[in-house]
Amino acid sequence: MYLQVQEDWQEEDNPPEESIFIEVAEDGPGTSGIGQEVTQCKVDSKNQNQGKGNRKRTTSTTTERGESLEKFSKLAQTKTEVSELQKSCYEADLNNKENDAFQKQEEWEKKQEMLDLDLLIKQEEYEELLRQNARREELFQLERRERRLRVFILQNKRNIMNK
């Protein structure tokens, strides 16, 4: 395992031709076996991309911190706006669903009312048909009684004439 320590001022974008870094090697194959070994190595810019090149600088300037803070606050503001938009969309969807449910409830109640009215009309029609049938039956019975009475009267007249 190799640890590289490099001077903080060197930037990756503009490295010097040669840079100096310290390499610390743990105990293992290729070492003397007496603990950690520290060696100083020179690296030219051609070997940078082979895993032992310059590292990015870890310190930041006041300007960079300000820009970073500005970017962070813009990001936070954008996220806040997005969450507010999502909240308003959620509320709008919820209102739409509530309105749809209310409209469906009203439609269902109207349909129930129409069905109740239809049922009432059908019941009244049925009762009217029953009354008509009862009147017809009564008329039929009256006509039958009238015929019997006529027959009785005619028989009595004939009996009187035969005497």
Protein backbone atom coordinates (compact mmCIF):
# COMPACT_ATOMS: atom_id res chain seq x y z
CA MET A 1 0.00 0.00 0.00
CA TYR A 2 1.45 3.33 -1.00
CA LEU A 3 0.49 6.66 0.55
CA GLN A 4 1.43 9.78 -1.31
CA VAL A 5 2.00 13.11 0.39
CA GLN A 6 2.21 16.06 -1.94
CA GLU A 7 2.56 19.74 -1.45
CA ASP A 8 -0.82 21.47 -1.28
CA TRP A 9 -0.08 24.31 -3.67
CA GLN A 10 0.32 22.16 -6.77
CA GLU A 11 -2.70 22.13 -9.03
CA GLU A 12 -3.64 19.38 -11.41
CA ASP A 13 -4.38 21.78 -14.26
CA ASN A 14 -0.97 23.42 -14.23
CA PRO A 15 1.64 20.96 -12.81
CA PRO A 16 5.36 21.69 -12.87
CA GLU A 17 7.57 19.55 -15.07
CA GLU A 18 8.86 17.64 -12.06
CA SER A 19 7.25 17.34 -8.70
CA ILE A 20 8.48 15.80 -5.50
CA PHE A 21 6.36 13.60 -3.31
CA ILE A 22 6.98 11.26 -0.44
CA GLU A 23 6.09 7.62 -0.78
CA VAL A 24 5.39 5.53 2.32
CA ALA A 25 5.47 1.77 1.80
CA GLU A 26 4.01 -0.66 4.33
CA ASP A 27 5.82 -3.86 5.28
CA GLY A 28 5.54 -6.40 2.55
CA PRO A 29 7.29 -7.80 -0.50
CA GLY A 30 9.85 -5.46 -1.96
CA THR A 31 10.57 -3.71 1.35
CA SER A 32 13.35 -4.27 3.85
CA GLY A 33 10.88 -5.86 6.28
CA ILE A 34 11.73 -3.58 9.22
CA GLY A 35 8.54 -1.48 9.20
CA GLN A 36 7.45 1.42 7.07
CA GLU A 37 9.89 2.79 4.53
CA VAL A 38 9.81 6.39 3.45
CA THR A 39 11.38 7.32 0.14
CA GLN A 40 11.43 10.56 -1.77
CA CYS A 41 10.56 10.23 -5.46
CA LYS A 42 10.57 12.55 -8.42
CA VAL A 43 7.74 12.41 -10.90
CA ASP A 44 7.77 14.13 -14.22
CA SER A 45 4.59 15.31 -15.92
CA LYS A 46 4.63 12.34 -18.31
CA ASN A 47 3.96 9.88 -15.47
CA GLN A 48 1.09 11.86 -13.95
CA ASN A 49 -1.68 9.70 -15.28
CA GLN A 50 -0.16 6.41 -14.09
CA GLY A 51 -1.68 6.56 -10.62
CA LYS A 52 1.19 8.41 -8.89
CA GLY A 53 0.67 11.85 -10.39
CA ASN A 54 -0.39 15.11 -8.83
CA ARG A 55 -3.45 15.08 -6.65
CA LYS A 56 -6.06 17.79 -6.70
CA ARG A 57 -5.46 20.56 -4.27
CA THR A 58 -7.56 20.15 -1.12
CA THR A 59 -7.62 23.74 0.14
CA SER A 60 -9.98 26.33 -1.29
CA THR A 61 -9.80 30.08 -1.62
CA THR A 62 -12.27 32.57 -0.21
CA THR A 63 -13.62 33.20 -3.72
CA GLU A 64 -14.11 29.48 -4.30
CA ARG A 65 -15.84 29.15 -0.94
CA GLY A 66 -18.12 32.07 -1.82
CA GLU A 67 -18.92 30.57 -5.21
CA SER A 68 -19.53 27.20 -3.58
CA LEU A 69 -21.79 28.79 -0.97
CA GLU A 70 -23.64 30.69 -3.70
CA LYS A 71 -24.10 27.50 -5.73
CA PHE A 72 -25.28 25.68 -2.61
CA SER A 73 -27.78 28.40 -1.73
CA LYS A 74 -29.06 28.43 -5.35
CA LEU A 75 -29.41 24.66 -5.19
CA ALA A 76 -31.23 24.90 -1.86
CA GLN A 77 -33.53 27.59 -3.26
CA THR A 78 -34.21 25.49 -6.35
CA LYS A 79 -34.95 22.44 -4.21
CA THR A 80 -37.28 24.55 -2.06
CA GLU A 81 -39.09 25.82 -5.17
CA VAL A 82 -39.34 22.28 -6.53
CA SER A 83 -40.74 21.00 -3.24
CA GLU A 84 -43.26 23.88 -3.16
CA LEU A 85 -44.29 23.06 -6.74
CA GLN A 86 -44.62 19.39 -5.82
CA LYS A 87 -46.69 20.34 -2.79
CA SER A 88 -48.98 22.57 -4.87
CA CYS A 89 -49.31 19.83 -7.50
CA TYR A 90 -50.16 17.33 -4.77
CA GLU A 91 -52.75 19.69 -3.31
CA ALA A 92 -54.22 20.33 -6.78
CA ASP A 93 -54.40 16.58 -7.44
CA LEU A 94 -56.00 16.05 -4.06
CA ASN A 95 -58.56 18.80 -4.76
CA ASN A 96 -59.29 17.29 -8.18
CA LYS A 97 -59.79 13.87 -6.62
CA GLU A 98 -62.05 15.34 -3.93
CA ASN A 99 -64.06 17.23 -6.57
CA ASP A 100 -64.34 14.08 -8.69
CA ALA A 101 -65.46 12.08 -5.67
CA PHE A 102 -68.00 14.79 -4.75
CA GLN A 103 -69.33 14.88 -8.33
CA LYS A 104 -69.57 11.08 -8.43
CA GLN A 105 -71.42 11.15 -5.11
CA GLU A 106 -73.85 13.77 -6.46
CA GLU A 107 -74.37 11.75 -9.65
CA TRP A 108 -74.98 8.61 -7.61
CA GLU A 109 -77.50 10.43 -5.40
CA LYS A 110 -79.28 11.80 -8.49
CA LYS A 111 -79.39 8.32 -10.03
CA GLN A 112 -80.77 6.93 -6.77
CA GLU A 113 -83.40 9.68 -6.70
CA MET A 114 -84.33 8.93 -10.33
CA LEU A 115 -84.57 5.21 -9.55
CA ASP A 116 -86.73 5.95 -6.51
CA LEU A 117 -89.02 8.12 -8.66
CA ASP A 118 -89.17 5.42 -11.33
CA LEU A 119 -90.05 2.85 -8.70
CA LEU A 120 -92.77 5.10 -7.28
CA ILE A 121 -94.22 5.65 -10.77
CA LYS A 122 -94.18 1.90 -11.48
CA GLN A 123 -95.88 1.20 -8.16
CA GLU A 124 -98.58 3.79 -8.92
CA GLU A 125 -99.07 2.31 -12.40
CA TYR A 126 -99.35 -1.17 -10.89
CA GLU A 127 -101.85 0.00 -8.30
CA GLU A 128 -103.86 1.73 -11.04
CA LEU A 129 -103.87 -1.50 -13.08
CA LEU A 130 -105.08 -3.38 -10.01
CA ARG A 131 -107.91 -0.84 -9.53
CA GLN A 132 -108.84 -1.11 -13.21
CA ASN A 133 -108.89 -4.90 -12.97
CA ALA A 134 -111.02 -4.67 -9.83
CA ARG A 135 -113.47 -2.31 -11.63
CA ARG A 136 -113.61 -4.64 -14.63
CA GLU A 137 -114.26 -7.59 -12.35
CA GLU A 138 -116.97 -5.60 -10.57
CA LEU A 139 -118.51 -4.61 -13.93
CA PHE A 140 -118.38 -8.21 -15.09
CA GLN A 141 -120.09 -9.35 -11.87
CA LEU A 142 -122.74 -6.62 -12.26
CA GLU A 143 -123.37 -7.60 -15.89
CA ARG A 144 -123.70 -11.23 -14.86
CA ARG A 145 -126.10 -10.34 -12.08
CA GLU A 146 -128.07 -8.16 -14.51
CA ARG A 147 -128.34 -11.08 -16.95
CA ARG A 148 -129.49 -13.41 -14.21
CA LEU A 149 -132.08 -10.87 -13.10
CA ARG A 150 -133.33 -10.51 -16.69
CA VAL A 151 -133.53 -14.24 -17.03
CA PHE A 152 -135.40 -14.42 -13.72
CA ILE A 153 -137.78 -11.63 -14.77
CA LEU A 154 -138.39 -13.27 -18.14
CA GLN A 155 -139.06 -16.61 -16.47
CA ASN A 156 -141.49 -14.97 -14.05
CA LYS A 157 -143.29 -13.23 -16.93
CA ARG A 158 -143.56 -16.48 -18.81
CA ASN A 159 -144.80 -18.28 -15.73
CA ILE A 160 -147.40 -15.55 -15.22
CA MET A 161 -148.52 -15.79 -18.82
CA ASN A 162 -148.71 -19.52 -18.68
CA LYS A 163 -151.07 -19.40 -15.77
